[in-house]
Amino acid sequence: MKNKHIGSSFDGFLEEHGILASSQAEAIKRVISWQIQQHLESTQMKKSTFAKKLGTSRSQLDRLLDPANTSLNIKTLTTAAEVMGKRLELQLV
């Protein structure tokens, strides 16, 4: 019996199972959460201070830092990037 997945891509496998978009969203969110956490650690900034600079609550920041929560607001991400001295780049490819 031939394996129909030999030579196919992992993205193709995920797409075939209908989970490509959600997998990509979670991967992106994990990276963003990790980058923000790294910034907090490297600058020794408290979450409450970062939240205040974002103009949001500590609980909202915790949702932003939660890698499993893929509900993201572009304005919040843009502001977080600015607070970190970075800029947000989004592309549809």
PDB file of N, CA and C in Angstrom:
ATOM      1  N   MET A   1       0.838  -1.170   0.000  1.00  0.00           N
ATOM      2  CA  MET A   1       0.000   0.000   0.000  1.00  0.00           C
ATOM      3  C   MET A   1       0.889   1.241   0.000  1.00  0.00           C
ATOM      4  N   LYS A   2       0.623   2.165  -0.902  1.00  0.00           N
ATOM      5  CA  LYS A   2       1.413   3.384  -1.011  1.00  0.00           C
ATOM      6  C   LYS A   2       0.891   4.440  -0.039  1.00  0.00           C
ATOM      7  N   ASN A   3       1.808   5.145   0.568  1.00  0.00           N
ATOM      8  CA  ASN A   3       1.446   6.232   1.467  1.00  0.00           C
ATOM      9  C   ASN A   3       1.223   7.489   0.630  1.00  0.00           C
ATOM     10  N   LYS A   4       0.007   8.020   0.631  1.00  0.00           N
ATOM     11  CA  LYS A   4      -0.321   9.174  -0.207  1.00  0.00           C
ATOM     12  C   LYS A   4       0.333  10.465   0.286  1.00  0.00           C
ATOM     13  N   HIS A   5       0.890  10.457   1.493  1.00  0.00           N
ATOM     14  CA  HIS A   5       1.501  11.666   2.050  1.00  0.00           C
ATOM     15  C   HIS A   5       3.001  11.765   1.782  1.00  0.00           C
ATOM     16  N   ILE A   6       3.616  10.721   1.268  1.00  0.00           N
ATOM     17  CA  ILE A   6       5.052  10.773   0.981  1.00  0.00           C
ATOM     18  C   ILE A   6       5.269  11.790  -0.133  1.00  0.00           C
ATOM     19  N   GLY A   7       6.152  12.726   0.126  1.00  0.00           N
ATOM     20  CA  GLY A   7       6.459  13.772  -0.844  1.00  0.00           C
ATOM     21  C   GLY A   7       5.572  14.998  -0.713  1.00  0.00           C
ATOM     22  N   SER A   8       4.548  14.939   0.126  1.00  0.00           N
ATOM     23  CA  SER A   8       3.678  16.102   0.300  1.00  0.00           C
ATOM     24  C   SER A   8       4.233  16.993   1.409  1.00  0.00           C
ATOM     25  N   SER A   9       3.729  18.215   1.472  1.00  0.00           N
ATOM     26  CA  SER A   9       4.201  19.144   2.492  1.00  0.00           C
ATOM     27  C   SER A   9       3.349  19.022   3.750  1.00  0.00           C
ATOM     28  N   PHE A  10       3.907  19.492   4.852  1.00  0.00           N
ATOM     29  CA  PHE A  10       3.163  19.483   6.106  1.00  0.00           C
ATOM     30  C   PHE A  10       1.978  20.428   6.014  1.00  0.00           C
ATOM     31  N   ASP A  11       2.190  21.585   5.337  1.00  0.00           N
ATOM     32  CA  ASP A  11       1.076  22.512   5.132  1.00  0.00           C
ATOM     33  C   ASP A  11      -0.052  21.839   4.352  1.00  0.00           C
ATOM     34  N   GLY A  12       0.316  21.041   3.368  1.00  0.00           N
ATOM     35  CA  GLY A  12      -0.690  20.304   2.601  1.00  0.00           C
ATOM     36  C   GLY A  12      -1.469  19.343   3.481  1.00  0.00           C
ATOM     37  N   PHE A  13      -0.772  18.692   4.386  1.00  0.00           N
ATOM     38  CA  PHE A  13      -1.418  17.770   5.321  1.00  0.00           C
ATOM     39  C   PHE A  13      -2.403  18.525   6.212  1.00  0.00           C
ATOM     40  N   LEU A  14      -1.952  19.663   6.765  1.00  0.00           N
ATOM     41  CA  LEU A  14      -2.823  20.454   7.637  1.00  0.00           C
ATOM     42  C   LEU A  14      -4.025  20.982   6.867  1.00  0.00           C
ATOM     43  N   GLU A  15      -3.799  21.411   5.637  1.00  0.00           N
ATOM     44  CA  GLU A  15      -4.894  21.922   4.805  1.00  0.00           C
ATOM     45  C   GLU A  15      -5.899  20.811   4.494  1.00  0.00           C
ATOM     46  N   GLU A  16      -5.394  19.647   4.211  1.00  0.00           N
ATOM     47  CA  GLU A  16      -6.256  18.492   3.921  1.00  0.00           C
ATOM     48  C   GLU A  16      -7.169  18.170   5.100  1.00  0.00           C
ATOM     49  N   HIS A  17      -6.677  18.408   6.314  1.00  0.00           N
ATOM     50  CA  HIS A  17      -7.455  18.136   7.518  1.00  0.00           C
ATOM     51  C   HIS A  17      -8.219  19.364   8.022  1.00  0.00           C
ATOM     52  N   GLY A  18      -8.152  20.459   7.270  1.00  0.00           N
ATOM     53  CA  GLY A  18      -8.918  21.653   7.597  1.00  0.00           C
ATOM     54  C   GLY A  18      -8.422  22.438   8.796  1.00  0.00           C
ATOM     55  N   ILE A  19      -7.128  22.297   9.112  1.00  0.00           N
ATOM     56  CA  ILE A  19      -6.605  22.977  10.296  1.00  0.00           C
ATOM     57  C   ILE A  19      -5.400  23.873   9.988  1.00  0.00           C
ATOM     58  N   LEU A  20      -5.164  24.151   8.724  1.00  0.00           N
ATOM     59  CA  LEU A  20      -4.003  24.969   8.361  1.00  0.00           C
ATOM     60  C   LEU A  20      -4.119  26.379   8.931  1.00  0.00           C
ATOM     61  N   ALA A  21      -5.242  27.044   8.711  1.00  0.00           N
ATOM     62  CA  ALA A  21      -5.399  28.435   9.162  1.00  0.00           C
ATOM     63  C   ALA A  21      -5.283  28.547  10.678  1.00  0.00           C
ATOM     64  N   SER A  22      -5.934  27.663  11.405  1.00  0.00           N
ATOM     65  CA  SER A  22      -5.868  27.741  12.870  1.00  0.00           C
ATOM     66  C   SER A  22      -4.468  27.399  13.379  1.00  0.00           C
ATOM     67  N   SER A  23      -3.782  26.485  12.713  1.00  0.00           N
ATOM     68  CA  SER A  23      -2.412  26.143  13.108  1.00  0.00           C
ATOM     69  C   SER A  23      -1.468  27.314  12.872  1.00  0.00           C
ATOM     70  N   GLN A  24      -1.640  27.992  11.743  1.00  0.00           N
ATOM     71  CA  GLN A  24      -0.800  29.151  11.449  1.00  0.00           C
ATOM     72  C   GLN A  24      -1.076  30.281  12.439  1.00  0.00           C
ATOM     73  N   ALA A  25      -2.344  30.502  12.759  1.00  0.00           N
ATOM     74  CA  ALA A  25      -2.709  31.558  13.713  1.00  0.00           C
ATOM     75  C   ALA A  25      -2.086  31.284  15.078  1.00  0.00           C
ATOM     76  N   GLU A  26      -2.150  30.042  15.514  1.00  0.00           N
ATOM     77  CA  GLU A  26      -1.576  29.713  16.824  1.00  0.00           C
ATOM     78  C   GLU A  26      -0.059  29.845  16.809  1.00  0.00           C
ATOM     79  N   ALA A  27       0.575  29.457  15.714  1.00  0.00           N
ATOM     80  CA  ALA A  27       2.034  29.591  15.627  1.00  0.00           C
ATOM     81  C   ALA A  27       2.455  31.057  15.670  1.00  0.00           C
ATOM     82  N   ILE A  28       1.738  31.902  14.944  1.00  0.00           N
ATOM     83  CA  ILE A  28       2.044  33.336  14.938  1.00  0.00           C
ATOM     84  C   ILE A  28       1.853  33.907  16.340  1.00  0.00           C
ATOM     85  N   LYS A  29       0.761  33.542  16.989  1.00  0.00           N
ATOM     86  CA  LYS A  29       0.471  34.048  18.330  1.00  0.00           C
ATOM     87  C   LYS A  29       1.539  33.596  19.320  1.00  0.00           C
ATOM     88  N   ARG A  30       1.998  32.361  19.202  1.00  0.00           N
ATOM     89  CA  ARG A  30       3.046  31.875  20.098  1.00  0.00           C
ATOM     90  C   ARG A  30       4.325  32.704  19.958  1.00  0.00           C
ATOM     91  N   VAL A  31       4.679  33.047  18.718  1.00  0.00           N
ATOM     92  CA  VAL A  31       5.882  33.851  18.486  1.00  0.00           C
ATOM     93  C   VAL A  31       5.707  35.252  19.062  1.00  0.00           C
ATOM     94  N   ILE A  32       4.545  35.872  18.821  1.00  0.00           N
ATOM     95  CA  ILE A  32       4.298  37.217  19.341  1.00  0.00           C
ATOM     96  C   ILE A  32       4.327  37.203  20.868  1.00  0.00           C
ATOM     97  N   SER A  33       3.668  36.235  21.477  1.00  0.00           N
ATOM     98  CA  SER A  33       3.666  36.130  22.942  1.00  0.00           C
ATOM     99  C   SER A  33       5.077  35.967  23.478  1.00  0.00           C
ATOM    100  N   TRP A  34       5.860  35.130  22.817  1.00  0.00           N
ATOM    101  CA  TRP A  34       7.246  34.895  23.230  1.00  0.00           C
ATOM    102  C   TRP A  34       8.062  36.182  23.115  1.00  0.00           C
ATOM    103  N   GLN A  35       7.874  36.934  22.017  1.00  0.00           N
ATOM    104  CA  GLN A  35       8.629  38.177  21.832  1.00  0.00           C
ATOM    105  C   GLN A  35       8.293  39.197  22.917  1.00  0.00           C
ATOM    106  N   ILE A  36       7.028  39.320  23.252  1.00  0.00           N
ATOM    107  CA  ILE A  36       6.635  40.260  24.299  1.00  0.00           C
ATOM    108  C   ILE A  36       7.206  39.817  25.642  1.00  0.00           C
ATOM    109  N   GLN A  37       7.116  38.531  25.937  1.00  0.00           N
ATOM    110  CA  GLN A  37       7.655  38.004  27.197  1.00  0.00           C
ATOM    111  C   GLN A  37       9.165  38.240  27.274  1.00  0.00           C
ATOM    112  N   GLN A  38       9.870  38.023  26.165  1.00  0.00           N
ATOM    113  CA  GLN A  38      11.318  38.269  26.129  1.00  0.00           C
ATOM    114  C   GLN A  38      11.618  39.737  26.395  1.00  0.00           C
ATOM    115  N   HIS A  39      10.811  40.629  25.831  1.00  0.00           N
ATOM    116  CA  HIS A  39      10.997  42.058  26.065  1.00  0.00           C
ATOM    117  C   HIS A  39      10.815  42.390  27.548  1.00  0.00           C
ATOM    118  N   LEU A  40       9.763  41.838  28.150  1.00  0.00           N
ATOM    119  CA  LEU A  40       9.508  42.086  29.569  1.00  0.00           C
ATOM    120  C   LEU A  40      10.679  41.610  30.417  1.00  0.00           C
ATOM    121  N   GLU A  41      11.207  40.437  30.089  1.00  0.00           N
ATOM    122  CA  GLU A  41      12.324  39.891  30.864  1.00  0.00           C
ATOM    123  C   GLU A  41      13.611  40.687  30.646  1.00  0.00           C
ATOM    124  N   SER A  42      13.898  41.030  29.391  1.00  0.00           N
ATOM    125  CA  SER A  42      15.164  41.722  29.107  1.00  0.00           C
ATOM    126  C   SER A  42      15.191  43.143  29.659  1.00  0.00           C
ATOM    127  N   THR A  43      14.034  43.776  29.726  1.00  0.00           N
ATOM    128  CA  THR A  43      13.970  45.138  30.271  1.00  0.00           C
ATOM    129  C   THR A  43      13.594  45.149  31.743  1.00  0.00           C
ATOM    130  N   GLN A  44      13.312  43.974  32.283  1.00  0.00           N
ATOM    131  CA  GLN A  44      12.862  43.814  33.668  1.00  0.00           C
ATOM    132  C   GLN A  44      11.635  44.683  33.949  1.00  0.00           C
ATOM    133  N   MET A  45      10.774  44.779  32.928  1.00  0.00           N
ATOM    134  CA  MET A  45       9.549  45.563  33.066  1.00  0.00           C
ATOM    135  C   MET A  45       8.450  44.673  33.639  1.00  0.00           C
ATOM    136  N   LYS A  46       7.711  45.213  34.581  1.00  0.00           N
ATOM    137  CA  LYS A  46       6.601  44.482  35.172  1.00  0.00           C
ATOM    138  C   LYS A  46       5.421  44.493  34.205  1.00  0.00           C
ATOM    139  N   LYS A  47       4.616  43.450  34.302  1.00  0.00           N
ATOM    140  CA  LYS A  47       3.439  43.362  33.442  1.00  0.00           C
ATOM    141  C   LYS A  47       2.511  44.553  33.637  1.00  0.00           C
ATOM    142  N   SER A  48       2.354  44.981  34.860  1.00  0.00           N
ATOM    143  CA  SER A  48       1.463  46.112  35.130  1.00  0.00           C
ATOM    144  C   SER A  48       1.973  47.395  34.462  1.00  0.00           C
ATOM    145  N   THR A  49       3.289  47.584  34.431  1.00  0.00           N
ATOM    146  CA  THR A  49       3.870  48.750  33.778  1.00  0.00           C
ATOM    147  C   THR A  49       3.654  48.684  32.275  1.00  0.00           C
ATOM    148  N   PHE A  50       3.886  47.505  31.700  1.00  0.00           N
ATOM    149  CA  PHE A  50       3.689  47.318  30.259  1.00  0.00           C
ATOM    150  C   PHE A  50       2.219  47.535  29.906  1.00  0.00           C
ATOM    151  N   ALA A  51       1.323  46.995  30.719  1.00  0.00           N
ATOM    152  CA  ALA A  51      -0.112  47.155  30.479  1.00  0.00           C
ATOM    153  C   ALA A  51      -0.496  48.634  30.510  1.00  0.00           C
ATOM    154  N   LYS A  52       0.072  49.376  31.461  1.00  0.00           N
ATOM    155  CA  LYS A  52      -0.231  50.808  31.566  1.00  0.00           C
ATOM    156  C   LYS A  52       0.247  51.541  30.311  1.00  0.00           C
ATOM    157  N   LYS A  53       1.433  51.182  29.814  1.00  0.00           N
ATOM    158  CA  LYS A  53       1.947  51.798  28.592  1.00  0.00           C
ATOM    159  C   LYS A  53       1.087  51.446  27.382  1.00  0.00           C
ATOM    160  N   LEU A  54       0.477  50.259  27.420  1.00  0.00           N
ATOM    161  CA  LEU A  54      -0.424  49.843  26.342  1.00  0.00           C
ATOM    162  C   LEU A  54      -1.781  50.529  26.452  1.00  0.00           C
ATOM    163  N   GLY A  55      -2.060  51.076  27.631  1.00  0.00           N
ATOM    164  CA  GLY A  55      -3.370  51.671  27.865  1.00  0.00           C
ATOM    165  C   GLY A  55      -4.433  50.622  28.068  1.00  0.00           C
ATOM    166  N   THR A  56      -4.042  49.515  28.701  1.00  0.00           N
ATOM    167  CA  THR A  56      -4.963  48.410  28.935  1.00  0.00           C
ATOM    168  C   THR A  56      -4.772  47.849  30.336  1.00  0.00           C
ATOM    169  N   SER A  57      -5.521  46.833  30.650  1.00  0.00           N
ATOM    170  CA  SER A  57      -5.440  46.219  31.982  1.00  0.00           C
ATOM    171  C   SER A  57      -4.416  45.086  31.988  1.00  0.00           C
ATOM    172  N   ARG A  58      -4.034  44.702  33.172  1.00  0.00           N
ATOM    173  CA  ARG A  58      -3.109  43.571  33.338  1.00  0.00           C
ATOM    174  C   ARG A  58      -3.759  42.289  32.827  1.00  0.00           C
ATOM    175  N   SER A  59      -5.064  42.117  33.047  1.00  0.00           N
ATOM    176  CA  SER A  59      -5.741  40.897  32.577  1.00  0.00           C
ATOM    177  C   SER A  59      -5.792  40.860  31.046  1.00  0.00           C
ATOM    178  N   GLN A  60      -5.930  42.026  30.411  1.00  0.00           N
ATOM    179  CA  GLN A  60      -5.900  42.071  28.935  1.00  0.00           C
ATOM    180  C   GLN A  60      -4.503  41.709  28.438  1.00  0.00           C
ATOM    181  N   LEU A  61      -3.471  42.175  29.135  1.00  0.00           N
ATOM    182  CA  LEU A  61      -2.102  41.817  28.775  1.00  0.00           C
ATOM    183  C   LEU A  61      -1.891  40.314  28.931  1.00  0.00           C
ATOM    184  N   ASP A  62      -2.437  39.722  29.979  1.00  0.00           N
ATOM    185  CA  ASP A  62      -2.314  38.280  30.166  1.00  0.00           C
ATOM    186  C   ASP A  62      -2.941  37.519  28.998  1.00  0.00           C
ATOM    187  N   ARG A  63      -4.048  38.031  28.461  1.00  0.00           N
ATOM    188  CA  ARG A  63      -4.662  37.397  27.283  1.00  0.00           C
ATOM    189  C   ARG A  63      -3.749  37.545  26.068  1.00  0.00           C
ATOM    190  N   LEU A  64      -3.092  38.699  25.951  1.00  0.00           N
ATOM    191  CA  LEU A  64      -2.149  38.910  24.852  1.00  0.00           C
ATOM    192  C   LEU A  64      -0.957  37.962  24.971  1.00  0.00           C
ATOM    193  N   LEU A  65      -0.534  37.675  26.186  1.00  0.00           N
ATOM    194  CA  LEU A  65       0.608  36.784  26.423  1.00  0.00           C
ATOM    195  C   LEU A  65       0.236  35.303  26.372  1.00  0.00           C
ATOM    196  N   ASP A  66      -1.046  34.993  26.358  1.00  0.00           N
ATOM    197  CA  ASP A  66      -1.507  33.603  26.318  1.00  0.00           C
ATOM    198  C   ASP A  66      -1.354  33.060  24.895  1.00  0.00           C
ATOM    199  N   PRO A  67      -0.416  32.122  24.668  1.00  0.00           N
ATOM    200  CA  PRO A  67      -0.176  31.628  23.316  1.00  0.00           C
ATOM    201  C   PRO A  67      -1.386  30.923  22.695  1.00  0.00           C
ATOM    202  N   ALA A  68      -2.274  30.416  23.503  1.00  0.00           N
ATOM    203  CA  ALA A  68      -3.432  29.691  22.980  1.00  0.00           C
ATOM    204  C   ALA A  68      -4.572  30.631  22.575  1.00  0.00           C
ATOM    205  N   ASN A  69      -4.530  31.868  23.034  1.00  0.00           N
ATOM    206  CA  ASN A  69      -5.588  32.824  22.713  1.00  0.00           C
ATOM    207  C   ASN A  69      -5.205  33.541  21.422  1.00  0.00           C
ATOM    208  N   THR A  70      -5.841  33.155  20.309  1.00  0.00           N
ATOM    209  CA  THR A  70      -5.463  33.711  19.009  1.00  0.00           C
ATOM    210  C   THR A  70      -6.305  34.917  18.612  1.00  0.00           C
ATOM    211  N   SER A  71      -7.153  35.404  19.507  1.00  0.00           N
ATOM    212  CA  SER A  71      -7.927  36.613  19.226  1.00  0.00           C
ATOM    213  C   SER A  71      -7.026  37.826  19.443  1.00  0.00           C
ATOM    214  N   LEU A  72      -6.617  38.429  18.359  1.00  0.00           N
ATOM    215  CA  LEU A  72      -5.697  39.557  18.437  1.00  0.00           C
ATOM    216  C   LEU A  72      -6.308  40.780  17.777  1.00  0.00           C
ATOM    217  N   ASN A  73      -6.034  41.927  18.338  1.00  0.00           N
ATOM    218  CA  ASN A  73      -6.468  43.196  17.798  1.00  0.00           C
ATOM    219  C   ASN A  73      -5.240  43.871  17.192  1.00  0.00           C
ATOM    220  N   ILE A  74      -5.335  44.294  15.945  1.00  0.00           N
ATOM    221  CA  ILE A  74      -4.183  44.893  15.278  1.00  0.00           C
ATOM    222  C   ILE A  74      -3.728  46.162  15.990  1.00  0.00           C
ATOM    223  N   LYS A  75      -4.654  46.930  16.486  1.00  0.00           N
ATOM    224  CA  LYS A  75      -4.289  48.154  17.213  1.00  0.00           C
ATOM    225  C   LYS A  75      -3.473  47.814  18.460  1.00  0.00           C
ATOM    226  N   THR A  76      -3.897  46.795  19.193  1.00  0.00           N
ATOM    227  CA  THR A  76      -3.158  46.382  20.391  1.00  0.00           C
ATOM    228  C   THR A  76      -1.764  45.896  20.022  1.00  0.00           C
ATOM    229  N   LEU A  77      -1.657  45.110  18.952  1.00  0.00           N
ATOM    230  CA  LEU A  77      -0.349  44.620  18.521  1.00  0.00           C
ATOM    231  C   LEU A  77       0.555  45.765  18.073  1.00  0.00           C
ATOM    232  N   THR A  78      -0.023  46.743  17.367  1.00  0.00           N
ATOM    233  CA  THR A  78       0.754  47.895  16.926  1.00  0.00           C
ATOM    234  C   THR A  78       1.268  48.691  18.123  1.00  0.00           C
ATOM    235  N   THR A  79       0.406  48.894  19.102  1.00  0.00           N
ATOM    236  CA  THR A  79       0.806  49.626  20.308  1.00  0.00           C
ATOM    237  C   THR A  79       1.865  48.848  21.081  1.00  0.00           C
ATOM    238  N   ALA A  80       1.695  47.537  21.203  1.00  0.00           N
ATOM    239  CA  ALA A  80       2.686  46.710  21.904  1.00  0.00           C
ATOM    240  C   ALA A  80       4.038  46.818  21.207  1.00  0.00           C
ATOM    241  N   ALA A  81       4.031  46.782  19.883  1.00  0.00           N
ATOM    242  CA  ALA A  81       5.286  46.911  19.131  1.00  0.00           C
ATOM    243  C   ALA A  81       5.937  48.263  19.402  1.00  0.00           C
ATOM    244  N   GLU A  82       5.138  49.324  19.415  1.00  0.00           N
ATOM    245  CA  GLU A  82       5.672  50.667  19.683  1.00  0.00           C
ATOM    246  C   GLU A  82       6.274  50.763  21.078  1.00  0.00           C
ATOM    247  N   VAL A  83       5.591  50.190  22.071  1.00  0.00           N
ATOM    248  CA  VAL A  83       6.101  50.206  23.447  1.00  0.00           C
ATOM    249  C   VAL A  83       7.440  49.481  23.522  1.00  0.00           C
ATOM    250  N   MET A  84       7.601  48.441  22.705  1.00  0.00           N
ATOM    251  CA  MET A  84       8.829  47.657  22.696  1.00  0.00           C
ATOM    252  C   MET A  84       9.903  48.276  21.800  1.00  0.00           C
ATOM    253  N   GLY A  85       9.589  49.424  21.166  1.00  0.00           N
ATOM    254  CA  GLY A  85      10.552  50.060  20.273  1.00  0.00           C
ATOM    255  C   GLY A  85      10.633  49.374  18.926  1.00  0.00           C
ATOM    256  N   LYS A  86       9.568  48.706  18.538  1.00  0.00           N
ATOM    257  CA  LYS A  86       9.525  47.977  17.273  1.00  0.00           C
ATOM    258  C   LYS A  86       8.350  48.473  16.454  1.00  0.00           C
ATOM    259  N   ARG A  87       8.138  47.861  15.296  1.00  0.00           N
ATOM    260  CA  ARG A  87       6.966  48.150  14.499  1.00  0.00           C
ATOM    261  C   ARG A  87       6.342  46.850  14.044  1.00  0.00           C
ATOM    262  N   LEU A  88       5.060  46.869  13.818  1.00  0.00           N
ATOM    263  CA  LEU A  88       4.331  45.684  13.371  1.00  0.00           C
ATOM    264  C   LEU A  88       4.306  45.658  11.856  1.00  0.00           C
ATOM    265  N   GLU A  89       4.603  44.523  11.274  1.00  0.00           N
ATOM    266  CA  GLU A  89       4.489  44.323   9.830  1.00  0.00           C
ATOM    267  C   GLU A  89       3.549  43.172   9.581  1.00  0.00           C
ATOM    268  N   LEU A  90       2.535  43.416   8.768  1.00  0.00           N
ATOM    269  CA  LEU A  90       1.576  42.383   8.382  1.00  0.00           C
ATOM    270  C   LEU A  90       1.575  42.255   6.875  1.00  0.00           C
ATOM    271  N   GLN A  91       1.508  41.048   6.381  1.00  0.00           N
ATOM    272  CA  GLN A  91       1.447  40.812   4.951  1.00  0.00           C
ATOM    273  C   GLN A  91       0.471  39.704   4.652  1.00  0.00           C
ATOM    274  N   LEU A  92      -0.226  39.845   3.567  1.00  0.00           N
ATOM    275  CA  LEU A  92      -1.006  38.757   3.013  1.00  0.00           C
ATOM    276  C   LEU A  92      -0.217  38.235   1.821  1.00  0.00           C
ATOM    277  N   VAL A  93       0.199  37.000   1.877  1.00  0.00           N
ATOM    278  CA  VAL A  93       1.011  36.443   0.792  1.00  0.00           C
ATOM    279  C   VAL A  93       0.327  35.247   0.166  1.00  0.00           C
TER     280      VAL A  93
END
